[in-house]
C-alpha atoms as a PDB file:
ATOM      1  CA  MET A   1      -3.086 -15.924  19.071  1.00  0.00           C
ATOM      2  CA  LYS A   2      -1.043 -14.381  16.285  1.00  0.00           C
ATOM      3  CA  GLN A   3      -2.510 -11.910  13.803  1.00  0.00           C
ATOM      4  CA  ASP A   4      -1.291 -11.513  10.235  1.00  0.00           C
ATOM      5  CA  LEU A   5      -1.618  -8.629   7.818  1.00  0.00           C
ATOM      6  CA  LEU A   6      -2.231 -10.102   4.390  1.00  0.00           C
ATOM      7  CA  SER A   7      -5.010  -7.611   3.631  1.00  0.00           C
ATOM      8  CA  PHE A   8      -6.985  -5.148   5.710  1.00  0.00           C
ATOM      9  CA  ALA A   9     -10.158  -6.785   4.385  1.00  0.00           C
ATOM     10  CA  SER A  10      -9.938  -9.236   7.295  1.00  0.00           C
ATOM     11  CA  TRP A  11      -9.323  -6.544   9.945  1.00  0.00           C
ATOM     12  CA  GLU A  12     -11.909  -4.712  12.018  1.00  0.00           C
ATOM     13  CA  THR A  13     -12.512  -1.042  11.229  1.00  0.00           C
ATOM     14  CA  SER A  14     -11.589  -0.131  14.815  1.00  0.00           C
ATOM     15  CA  GLN A  15      -8.183  -1.778  14.314  1.00  0.00           C
ATOM     16  CA  VAL A  16      -7.483   0.208  11.148  1.00  0.00           C
ATOM     17  CA  THR A  17      -8.441   3.533  12.719  1.00  0.00           C
ATOM     18  CA  ALA A  18      -6.282   2.660  15.731  1.00  0.00           C
ATOM     19  CA  LEU A  19      -3.317   2.070  13.390  1.00  0.00           C
ATOM     20  CA  ILE A  20      -3.721   5.550  11.893  1.00  0.00           C
ATOM     21  CA  GLU A  21      -3.770   7.073  15.384  1.00  0.00           C
ATOM     22  CA  LEU A  22      -0.766   5.038  16.493  1.00  0.00           C
ATOM     23  CA  ALA A  23       1.215   5.921  13.355  1.00  0.00           C
ATOM     24  CA  LEU A  24       0.644   9.616  14.033  1.00  0.00           C
ATOM     25  CA  GLU A  25       1.784   9.166  17.638  1.00  0.00           C
ATOM     26  CA  ILE A  26       4.911   7.226  16.644  1.00  0.00           C
ATOM     27  CA  LYS A  27       5.749   9.863  14.045  1.00  0.00           C
ATOM     28  CA  ASN A  28       5.269  12.778  16.441  1.00  0.00           C
ATOM     29  CA  THR A  29       6.769  11.217  19.600  1.00  0.00           C
ATOM     30  CA  PRO A  30       9.292   8.607  18.389  1.00  0.00           C
ATOM     31  CA  GLU A  31      11.173   8.601  21.697  1.00  0.00           C
ATOM     32  CA  LYS A  32       8.228   6.832  23.345  1.00  0.00           C
ATOM     33  CA  TYR A  33       8.554   3.860  20.999  1.00  0.00           C
ATOM     34  CA  GLN A  34      12.306   3.408  20.618  1.00  0.00           C
ATOM     35  CA  SER A  35      12.292   0.129  22.566  1.00  0.00           C
ATOM     36  CA  VAL A  36       8.967  -1.372  21.522  1.00  0.00           C
ATOM     37  CA  LEU A  37      10.713  -4.027  19.380  1.00  0.00           C
ATOM     38  CA  ALA A  38      13.735  -4.511  21.635  1.00  0.00           C
ATOM     39  CA  GLY A  39      14.997  -8.077  21.297  1.00  0.00           C
ATOM     40  CA  LYS A  40      12.767  -8.737  18.251  1.00  0.00           C
ATOM     41  CA  SER A  41      14.027  -9.881  14.853  1.00  0.00           C
ATOM     42  CA  ILE A  42      11.987  -9.478  11.679  1.00  0.00           C
ATOM     43  CA  VAL A  43      12.898 -11.245   8.438  1.00  0.00           C
ATOM     44  CA  GLY A  44      12.129  -9.576   5.112  1.00  0.00           C
ATOM     45  CA  VAL A  45      11.671 -12.065   2.256  1.00  0.00           C
ATOM     46  CA  PHE A  46      11.840 -10.141  -1.026  1.00  0.00           C
ATOM     47  CA  GLU A  47      11.134 -11.737  -4.383  1.00  0.00           C
ATOM     48  CA  LYS A  48      10.847  -8.270  -5.956  1.00  0.00           C
ATOM     49  CA  PRO A  49      13.424  -5.472  -5.786  1.00  0.00           C
ATOM     50  CA  SER A  50      12.572  -2.448  -3.689  1.00  0.00           C
ATOM     51  CA  LEU A  51      13.729   0.970  -2.553  1.00  0.00           C
ATOM     52  CA  ARG A  52      10.963   2.391  -0.321  1.00  0.00           C
ATOM     53  CA  THR A  53       9.749  -0.915   1.118  1.00  0.00           C
ATOM     54  CA  ARG A  54      13.159  -2.268   2.031  1.00  0.00           C
ATOM     55  CA  VAL A  55      14.636   0.931   3.439  1.00  0.00           C
ATOM     56  CA  SER A  56      11.501   2.023   5.314  1.00  0.00           C
ATOM     57  CA  PHE A  57      11.174  -1.362   7.022  1.00  0.00           C
ATOM     58  CA  ASP A  58      14.879  -1.630   7.829  1.00  0.00           C
ATOM     59  CA  ILE A  59      15.264   1.863   9.275  1.00  0.00           C
ATOM     60  CA  GLY A  60      11.814   1.799  10.881  1.00  0.00           C
ATOM     61  CA  ILE A  61      12.491  -1.455  12.723  1.00  0.00           C
ATOM     62  CA  ASN A  62      15.836  -0.061  13.900  1.00  0.00           C
ATOM     63  CA  LYS A  63      14.078   3.043  15.251  1.00  0.00           C
ATOM     64  CA  LEU A  64      11.804   0.752  17.280  1.00  0.00           C
ATOM     65  CA  GLY A  65      14.815  -1.087  18.725  1.00  0.00           C
ATOM     66  CA  GLY A  66      14.445  -4.216  16.609  1.00  0.00           C
ATOM     67  CA  HIS A  67      16.605  -6.101  14.108  1.00  0.00           C
ATOM     68  CA  PHE A  68      15.819  -6.567  10.394  1.00  0.00           C
ATOM     69  CA  VAL A  69      17.204  -9.448   8.307  1.00  0.00           C
ATOM     70  CA  TYR A  70      16.868  -8.958   4.545  1.00  0.00           C
ATOM     71  CA  LEU A  71      16.590 -12.045   2.329  1.00  0.00           C
ATOM     72  CA  ASP A  72      16.760 -11.424  -1.406  1.00  0.00           C
ATOM     73  CA  SER A  73      15.478 -14.266  -3.579  1.00  0.00           C
ATOM     74  CA  LYS A  74      18.160 -14.217  -6.279  1.00  0.00           C
ATOM     75  CA  ALA A  75      16.249 -16.661  -8.427  1.00  0.00           C
ATOM     76  CA  ASN A  76      13.242 -14.266  -8.398  1.00  0.00           C
ATOM     77  CA  HIS A  77      10.775 -16.855  -7.124  1.00  0.00           C
ATOM     78  CA  LEU A  78      10.987 -18.776  -3.858  1.00  0.00           C
ATOM     79  CA  GLU A  79       9.288 -21.795  -5.368  1.00  0.00           C
ATOM     80  CA  GLY A  80      11.752 -24.331  -6.683  1.00  0.00           C
ATOM     81  CA  ARG A  81      14.607 -23.750  -4.261  1.00  0.00           C
ATOM     82  CA  GLU A  82      12.624 -24.948  -1.266  1.00  0.00           C
ATOM     83  CA  ALA A  83       8.966 -25.445  -0.486  1.00  0.00           C
ATOM     84  CA  VAL A  84       7.287 -22.216   0.652  1.00  0.00           C
ATOM     85  CA  ALA A  85       6.026 -23.987   3.771  1.00  0.00           C
ATOM     86  CA  ASP A  86       9.544 -25.148   4.671  1.00  0.00           C
ATOM     87  CA  THR A  87      10.942 -21.638   4.241  1.00  0.00           C
ATOM     88  CA  ALA A  88       8.336 -20.167   6.568  1.00  0.00           C
ATOM     89  CA  ALA A  89       8.569 -22.972   9.122  1.00  0.00           C
ATOM     90  CA  ASN A  90      12.325 -22.521   9.396  1.00  0.00           C
ATOM     91  CA  LEU A  91      12.086 -18.739   9.682  1.00  0.00           C
ATOM     92  CA  GLY A  92       9.525 -19.252  12.422  1.00  0.00           C
ATOM     93  CA  CYS A  93      12.165 -21.035  14.480  1.00  0.00           C
ATOM     94  CA  TRP A  94      14.252 -17.866  14.795  1.00  0.00           C
ATOM     95  CA  ALA A  95      12.327 -14.756  13.803  1.00  0.00           C
ATOM     96  CA  ASP A  96       9.464 -12.896  15.471  1.00  0.00           C
ATOM     97  CA  ALA A  97       7.747 -11.902  12.209  1.00  0.00           C
ATOM     98  CA  ILE A  98       8.039 -12.244   8.430  1.00  0.00           C
ATOM     99  CA  VAL A  99       7.672  -9.346   6.004  1.00  0.00           C
ATOM    100  CA  GLY A 100       7.020 -10.694   2.509  1.00  0.00           C
ATOM    101  CA  ARG A 101       7.296  -8.781  -0.792  1.00  0.00           C
ATOM    102  CA  VAL A 102       6.254 -11.495  -3.216  1.00  0.00           C
ATOM    103  CA  PHE A 103       4.783 -12.197  -6.616  1.00  0.00           C
ATOM    104  CA  LYS A 104       1.785 -14.248  -5.511  1.00  0.00           C
ATOM    105  CA  HIS A 105      -0.665 -13.759  -2.656  1.00  0.00           C
ATOM    106  CA  SER A 106      -0.714 -17.550  -2.298  1.00  0.00           C
ATOM    107  CA  THR A 107       2.927 -17.404  -1.174  1.00  0.00           C
ATOM    108  CA  LEU A 108       1.930 -15.285   1.818  1.00  0.00           C
ATOM    109  CA  GLU A 109      -0.958 -17.637   2.568  1.00  0.00           C
ATOM    110  CA  GLY A 110       1.559 -20.486   2.553  1.00  0.00           C
ATOM    111  CA  PHE A 111       3.793 -18.568   4.949  1.00  0.00           C
ATOM    112  CA  THR A 112       1.081 -17.911   7.496  1.00  0.00           C
ATOM    113  CA  ALA A 113      -0.195 -21.496   7.397  1.00  0.00           C
ATOM    114  CA  ALA A 114       3.290 -22.869   8.065  1.00  0.00           C
ATOM    115  CA  CYS A 115       4.473 -20.732  10.972  1.00  0.00           C
ATOM    116  CA  ASP A 116       3.242 -19.294  14.256  1.00  0.00           C
ATOM    117  CA  ILE A 117       4.670 -15.804  13.807  1.00  0.00           C
ATOM    118  CA  PRO A 118       2.918 -12.821  12.181  1.00  0.00           C
ATOM    119  CA  VAL A 119       3.235 -12.432   8.420  1.00  0.00           C
ATOM    120  CA  ILE A 120       3.027  -8.925   6.953  1.00  0.00           C
ATOM    121  CA  ASN A 121       2.239  -8.338   3.289  1.00  0.00           C
ATOM    122  CA  ALA A 122       4.729  -5.825   1.906  1.00  0.00           C
ATOM    123  CA  LEU A 123       3.267  -6.265  -1.611  1.00  0.00           C
ATOM    124  CA  CYS A 124       1.817  -9.087  -3.649  1.00  0.00           C
ATOM    125  CA  ASP A 125      -0.150  -9.365  -6.860  1.00  0.00           C
ATOM    126  CA  LEU A 126      -3.477  -8.571  -5.151  1.00  0.00           C
ATOM    127  CA  TYR A 127      -2.784  -6.163  -2.285  1.00  0.00           C
ATOM    128  CA  HIS A 128      -0.366  -3.564  -0.927  1.00  0.00           C
ATOM    129  CA  PRO A 129      -1.795  -2.883   2.554  1.00  0.00           C
ATOM    130  CA  CYS A 130       1.212  -1.020   3.980  1.00  0.00           C
ATOM    131  CA  GLN A 131       1.042   1.434   1.092  1.00  0.00           C
ATOM    132  CA  GLY A 132      -2.691   1.921   1.521  1.00  0.00           C
ATOM    133  CA  LEU A 133      -2.310   2.659   5.227  1.00  0.00           C
ATOM    134  CA  ALA A 134       0.542   5.116   4.595  1.00  0.00           C
ATOM    135  CA  ASP A 135      -1.516   6.898   1.948  1.00  0.00           C
ATOM    136  CA  PHE A 136      -4.493   7.425   4.233  1.00  0.00           C
ATOM    137  CA  LEU A 137      -2.126   8.472   7.017  1.00  0.00           C
ATOM    138  CA  THR A 138      -0.888  11.147   4.591  1.00  0.00           C
ATOM    139  CA  MET A 139      -4.444  12.188   3.774  1.00  0.00           C
ATOM    140  CA  THR A 140      -5.293  12.373   7.487  1.00  0.00           C
ATOM    141  CA  GLU A 141      -2.363  14.720   8.063  1.00  0.00           C
ATOM    142  CA  THR A 142      -3.359  16.833   5.067  1.00  0.00           C
ATOM    143  CA  PHE A 143      -7.139  17.005   5.404  1.00  0.00           C
ATOM    144  CA  GLY A 144      -8.028  15.822   8.900  1.00  0.00           C
ATOM    145  CA  ASP A 145     -11.172  13.695   8.764  1.00  0.00           C
ATOM    146  CA  VAL A 146     -10.785  11.589   5.611  1.00  0.00           C
ATOM    147  CA  SER A 147     -14.446  10.599   5.734  1.00  0.00           C
ATOM    148  CA  GLN A 148     -15.045  14.078   4.316  1.00  0.00           C
ATOM    149  CA  THR A 149     -12.651  13.593   1.388  1.00  0.00           C
ATOM    150  CA  LYS A 150     -12.775  12.167  -2.118  1.00  0.00           C
ATOM    151  CA  LEU A 151      -9.827  10.263  -3.579  1.00  0.00           C
ATOM    152  CA  ALA A 152      -9.744   9.539  -7.302  1.00  0.00           C
ATOM    153  CA  TYR A 153      -7.368   6.774  -8.347  1.00  0.00           C
ATOM    154  CA  ILE A 154      -6.608   7.062 -12.072  1.00  0.00           C
ATOM    155  CA  GLY A 155      -4.755   4.438 -14.109  1.00  0.00           C
ATOM    156  CA  ASP A 156      -4.395   0.666 -13.855  1.00  0.00           C
ATOM    157  CA  GLY A 157      -6.597  -1.197 -11.376  1.00  0.00           C
ATOM    158  CA  ASN A 158      -3.911  -3.060  -9.426  1.00  0.00           C
ATOM    159  CA  ASN A 159      -2.772  -4.144  -5.960  1.00  0.00           C
ATOM    160  CA  VAL A 160      -2.373  -0.564  -4.745  1.00  0.00           C
ATOM    161  CA  THR A 161      -5.855   0.290  -5.997  1.00  0.00           C
ATOM    162  CA  HIS A 162      -7.341  -2.648  -4.121  1.00  0.00           C
ATOM    163  CA  SER A 163      -5.751  -1.590  -0.842  1.00  0.00           C
ATOM    164  CA  LEU A 164      -6.826   2.035  -1.287  1.00  0.00           C
ATOM    165  CA  LEU A 165     -10.409   0.819  -1.700  1.00  0.00           C
ATOM    166  CA  ILE A 166     -10.212  -1.384   1.405  1.00  0.00           C
ATOM    167  CA  VAL A 167      -8.526   1.134   3.712  1.00  0.00           C
ATOM    168  CA  GLY A 168     -10.715   3.928   2.349  1.00  0.00           C
ATOM    169  CA  ALA A 169     -13.775   1.808   3.097  1.00  0.00           C
ATOM    170  CA  HIS A 170     -12.669   1.322   6.714  1.00  0.00           C
ATOM    171  CA  LEU A 171     -12.141   5.064   7.136  1.00  0.00           C
ATOM    172  CA  GLY A 172     -15.417   6.124   5.536  1.00  0.00           C
ATOM    173  CA  ALA A 173     -13.843   7.941   2.585  1.00  0.00           C
ATOM    174  CA  GLU A 174     -15.124   8.371  -0.949  1.00  0.00           C
ATOM    175  CA  VAL A 175     -12.895   6.491  -3.387  1.00  0.00           C
ATOM    176  CA  VAL A 176     -13.500   6.389  -7.128  1.00  0.00           C
ATOM    177  CA  VAL A 177     -11.284   4.261  -9.368  1.00  0.00           C
ATOM    178  CA  ILE A 178     -11.024   5.417 -12.985  1.00  0.00           C
ATOM    179  CA  THR A 179      -9.321   3.114 -15.485  1.00  0.00           C
ATOM    180  CA  PRO A 180      -9.283   2.397 -19.203  1.00  0.00           C
ATOM    181  CA  GLU A 181     -11.628  -0.384 -20.267  1.00  0.00           C
ATOM    182  CA  SER A 182     -10.279  -3.867 -19.467  1.00  0.00           C
ATOM    183  CA  PHE A 183      -8.019  -2.480 -16.699  1.00  0.00           C
ATOM    184  CA  GLU A 184     -10.645  -2.303 -13.946  1.00  0.00           C
ATOM    185  CA  VAL A 185     -10.163  -3.517 -10.383  1.00  0.00           C
ATOM    186  CA  ASP A 186     -10.769  -7.136  -9.418  1.00  0.00           C
ATOM    187  CA  GLN A 187     -14.518  -7.427  -8.905  1.00  0.00           C
ATOM    188  CA  SER A 188     -14.295  -9.802  -5.943  1.00  0.00           C
ATOM    189  CA  ILE A 189     -11.933  -7.445  -4.108  1.00  0.00           C
ATOM    190  CA  PHE A 190     -14.180  -4.473  -4.894  1.00  0.00           C
ATOM    191  CA  GLU A 191     -17.012  -6.433  -3.301  1.00  0.00           C
ATOM    192  CA  GLN A 192     -14.837  -7.056  -0.208  1.00  0.00           C
ATOM    193  CA  ALA A 193     -14.398  -3.304   0.126  1.00  0.00           C
ATOM    194  CA  GLN A 194     -18.109  -2.671  -0.432  1.00  0.00           C
ATOM    195  CA  LEU A 195     -18.982  -4.959   2.476  1.00  0.00           C
ATOM    196  CA  ILE A 196     -16.770  -2.871   4.747  1.00  0.00           C
ATOM    197  CA  ALA A 197     -18.224   0.353   3.352  1.00  0.00           C
ATOM    198  CA  LYS A 198     -21.743  -0.688   4.376  1.00  0.00           C
ATOM    199  CA  GLY A 199     -20.690  -0.348   7.990  1.00  0.00           C
ATOM    200  CA  THR A 200     -18.787   2.935   7.691  1.00  0.00           C
ATOM    201  CA  GLY A 201     -20.677   4.992   5.130  1.00  0.00           C
ATOM    202  CA  ALA A 202     -17.792   4.999   2.678  1.00  0.00           C
ATOM    203  CA  LYS A 203     -18.674   5.621  -0.965  1.00  0.00           C
ATOM    204  CA  LEU A 204     -16.841   3.410  -3.463  1.00  0.00           C
ATOM    205  CA  SER A 205     -17.177   3.313  -7.234  1.00  0.00           C
ATOM    206  CA  TYR A 206     -15.296   2.584 -10.433  1.00  0.00           C
ATOM    207  CA  SER A 207     -15.541   4.071 -13.886  1.00  0.00           C
ATOM    208  CA  ASN A 208     -13.811   4.577 -17.218  1.00  0.00           C
ATOM    209  CA  HIS A 209     -14.610   8.298 -17.353  1.00  0.00           C
ATOM    210  CA  LEU A 210     -12.357  11.086 -16.108  1.00  0.00           C
ATOM    211  CA  ASN A 211     -15.333  13.339 -15.413  1.00  0.00           C
ATOM    212  CA  ASP A 212     -16.106  11.119 -12.424  1.00  0.00           C
ATOM    213  CA  ALA A 213     -12.984  12.527 -10.748  1.00  0.00           C
ATOM    214  CA  LYS A 214     -14.543  15.985 -10.513  1.00  0.00           C
ATOM    215  CA  GLY A 215     -14.782  17.219  -6.948  1.00  0.00           C
ATOM    216  CA  SER A 216     -11.864  15.104  -5.758  1.00  0.00           C
ATOM    217  CA  ASN A 217      -9.460  16.331  -3.119  1.00  0.00           C
ATOM    218  CA  VAL A 218      -6.681  14.045  -4.349  1.00  0.00           C
ATOM    219  CA  LEU A 219      -5.742  12.473  -7.674  1.00  0.00           C
ATOM    220  CA  TYR A 220      -3.709   9.293  -7.257  1.00  0.00           C
ATOM    221  CA  THR A 221      -1.865   7.284  -9.882  1.00  0.00           C
ATOM    222  CA  ASP A 222       0.610   4.421 -10.171  1.00  0.00           C
ATOM    223  CA  THR A 223       2.758   2.994 -12.936  1.00  0.00           C
ATOM    224  CA  TRP A 224       0.882   1.664 -15.958  1.00  0.00           C
ATOM    225  CA  LEU A 225       2.953  -1.510 -15.868  1.00  0.00           C
ATOM    226  CA  SER A 226       3.394  -3.387 -12.604  1.00  0.00           C
ATOM    227  CA  MET A 227       6.881  -4.548 -11.657  1.00  0.00           C
ATOM    228  CA  GLY A 228       7.676  -7.783 -13.474  1.00  0.00           C
ATOM    229  CA  ASP A 229       5.229  -7.117 -16.307  1.00  0.00           C
ATOM    230  CA  ASP A 230       7.252  -7.247 -19.526  1.00  0.00           C
ATOM    231  CA  THR A 231       4.520  -5.879 -21.805  1.00  0.00           C
ATOM    232  CA  PRO A 232       6.144  -3.292 -24.115  1.00  0.00           C
ATOM    233  CA  LEU A 233       5.243   0.217 -22.976  1.00  0.00           C
ATOM    234  CA  SER A 234       4.454   1.180 -26.555  1.00  0.00           C
ATOM    235  CA  THR A 235       1.549  -1.270 -26.622  1.00  0.00           C
ATOM    236  CA  ILE A 236      -0.266   0.368 -23.690  1.00  0.00           C
ATOM    237  CA  LYS A 237       0.891   3.989 -23.940  1.00  0.00           C
ATOM    238  CA  GLN A 238      -1.867   4.915 -26.380  1.00  0.00           C
ATOM    239  CA  THR A 239      -4.482   3.388 -24.064  1.00  0.00           C
ATOM    240  CA  PHE A 240      -3.266   5.063 -20.873  1.00  0.00           C
ATOM    241  CA  MET A 241      -2.012   8.455 -22.053  1.00  0.00           C
ATOM    242  CA  PRO A 242      -5.506  10.048 -21.846  1.00  0.00           C
ATOM    243  CA  TYR A 243      -5.456   9.093 -18.121  1.00  0.00           C
ATOM    244  CA  GLN A 244      -2.220  10.943 -17.362  1.00  0.00           C
ATOM    245  CA  ILE A 245      -2.261  13.172 -14.268  1.00  0.00           C
ATOM    246  CA  ASN A 246      -1.296  16.652 -15.441  1.00  0.00           C
ATOM    247  CA  GLN A 247      -2.124  20.282 -14.786  1.00  0.00           C
ATOM    248  CA  GLN A 248      -5.152  20.149 -17.079  1.00  0.00           C
ATOM    249  CA  LEU A 249      -6.637  17.247 -15.115  1.00  0.00           C
ATOM    250  CA  LEU A 250      -6.060  19.060 -11.818  1.00  0.00           C
ATOM    251  CA  GLU A 251      -7.965  22.023 -13.194  1.00  0.00           C
ATOM    252  CA  LEU A 252     -10.758  19.821 -14.571  1.00  0.00           C
ATOM    253  CA  THR A 253     -11.310  17.995 -11.279  1.00  0.00           C
ATOM    254  CA  GLY A 254     -10.519  20.781  -8.824  1.00  0.00           C
ATOM    255  CA  ALA A 255      -8.183  18.489  -6.856  1.00  0.00           C
ATOM    256  CA  SER A 256      -5.709  20.224  -4.566  1.00  0.00           C
ATOM    257  CA  HIS A 257      -3.178  17.388  -4.273  1.00  0.00           C
ATOM    258  CA  VAL A 258      -1.653  14.480  -6.182  1.00  0.00           C
ATOM    259  CA  MET A 259      -0.295  11.174  -4.904  1.00  0.00           C
ATOM    260  CA  HIS A 260       1.813   8.361  -6.374  1.00  0.00           C
ATOM    261  CA  CYS A 261       3.228   5.341  -4.541  1.00  0.00           C
ATOM    262  CA  GLN A 262       6.440   5.423  -6.646  1.00  0.00           C
ATOM    263  CA  PRO A 263       8.574   4.535  -8.478  1.00  0.00           C
ATOM    264  CA  ALA A 264       7.126   7.021 -10.959  1.00  0.00           C
ATOM    265  CA  HIS A 265       7.752   7.250 -14.671  1.00  0.00           C
ATOM    266  CA  ARG A 266       7.963  10.982 -15.168  1.00  0.00           C
ATOM    267  CA  ASP A 267       5.847  12.422 -17.979  1.00  0.00           C
ATOM    268  CA  LEU A 268       4.039   9.144 -18.501  1.00  0.00           C
ATOM    269  CA  GLU A 269       1.427   8.478 -15.792  1.00  0.00           C
ATOM    270  CA  ILE A 270       2.214  11.856 -14.172  1.00  0.00           C
ATOM    271  CA  THR A 271       3.926  14.953 -15.516  1.00  0.00           C
ATOM    272  CA  SER A 272       7.100  16.242 -13.897  1.00  0.00           C
ATOM    273  CA  ASN A 273       5.677  19.729 -13.394  1.00  0.00           C
ATOM    274  CA  VAL A 274       2.815  18.310 -11.296  1.00  0.00           C
ATOM    275  CA  MET A 275       5.021  15.760  -9.515  1.00  0.00           C
ATOM    276  CA  ASP A 276       7.397  18.522  -8.384  1.00  0.00           C
ATOM    277  CA  SER A 277       4.720  21.102  -7.618  1.00  0.00           C
ATOM    278  CA  LYS A 278       3.046  22.345  -4.446  1.00  0.00           C
ATOM    279  CA  HIS A 279       0.259  19.850  -5.177  1.00  0.00           C
ATOM    280  CA  SER A 280       2.534  16.830  -4.634  1.00  0.00           C
ATOM    281  CA  LEU A 281       2.299  14.606  -1.548  1.00  0.00           C
ATOM    282  CA  LEU A 282       4.732  12.012  -2.915  1.00  0.00           C
ATOM    283  CA  LEU A 283       7.557  12.490  -0.425  1.00  0.00           C
ATOM    284  CA  GLN A 284       5.153  12.698   2.497  1.00  0.00           C
ATOM    285  CA  GLN A 285       3.702   9.370   1.341  1.00  0.00           C
ATOM    286  CA  ALA A 286       7.183   7.869   1.143  1.00  0.00           C
ATOM    287  CA  GLU A 287       8.093   9.041   4.644  1.00  0.00           C
ATOM    288  CA  ASN A 288       4.802   7.761   6.004  1.00  0.00           C
ATOM    289  CA  ARG A 289       5.487   4.252   4.762  1.00  0.00           C
ATOM    290  CA  MET A 290       7.895   3.922   7.689  1.00  0.00           C
ATOM    291  CA  HIS A 291       5.511   5.344  10.285  1.00  0.00           C
ATOM    292  CA  ALA A 292       2.548   3.284   9.070  1.00  0.00           C
ATOM    293  CA  GLN A 293       4.629   0.103   9.046  1.00  0.00           C
ATOM    294  CA  ASN A 294       5.989   0.863  12.497  1.00  0.00           C
ATOM    295  CA  ALA A 295       2.422   1.156  13.765  1.00  0.00           C
ATOM    296  CA  ILE A 296       1.660  -2.247  12.245  1.00  0.00           C
ATOM    297  CA  LEU A 297       4.768  -3.805  13.790  1.00  0.00           C
ATOM    298  CA  ALA A 298       4.140  -2.245  17.197  1.00  0.00           C
ATOM    299  CA  THR A 299       0.565  -3.547  17.120  1.00  0.00           C
ATOM    300  CA  LEU A 300       1.431  -7.102  16.060  1.00  0.00           C
ATOM    301  CA  LEU A 301       4.634  -7.473  18.122  1.00  0.00           C
ATOM    302  CA  GLY A 302       4.859  -4.678  20.685  1.00  0.00           C
END
């Protein structure tokens, strides 16, 4: 029976911890996995443009011996050209898996209902599971046992935030999300993560107050405007600027490292001097996207 990755909320904790272990092994001994996807073809359906997601999947699949086919939806949305179900059903005739970077989570749900091959969420409006896994892979490399760490996400409660909460819950971490008022995480998704946390001892919370980030090991931020959001920056800059990650906030919280899923807007959500400093894990995160995704692919297809 096929397994999809639309969100780690539906996965067992043992599966998520196994992915972290496998990603570390693939990263450290790549020669052992260079044929795990031999003869496999994976189709990437991208409604949104991408640098890290596209390149990390393409090169990562090649390193595992597989073949990646990139489909760019020139009209932005798949809907209208052909029914989502028809797209997925046809791809299922040829491909071994679909990687979807889409606007709506419902598009991915339509994919998985229409085909018998695994569907992997490479970003949607609600979740970004590959990013979340890569981020906790990075934290594992940096700190060891992440159940002894505190991650403070600061900024807009978005798809990345949701996946950090879910993966952090599986791994027993402390995750606090700090946002301006009216930019909090989706309550139903927070409750999904809390259910997982009950079984692992993870500590999850959200707040509007920067003082709640004190004692964190890592400060994490993302863009204030999600890709495709055409709200003028000037209308939200005043709201978000107090939540900027900068040297003063590092000193206030005592955090040793900063993270950002990129693309970053320098000197807006994070200052350049922090982004380029010894505190930054940004490039390690970017590299680990490939290793985390390869672990996912090897698990679902290998």
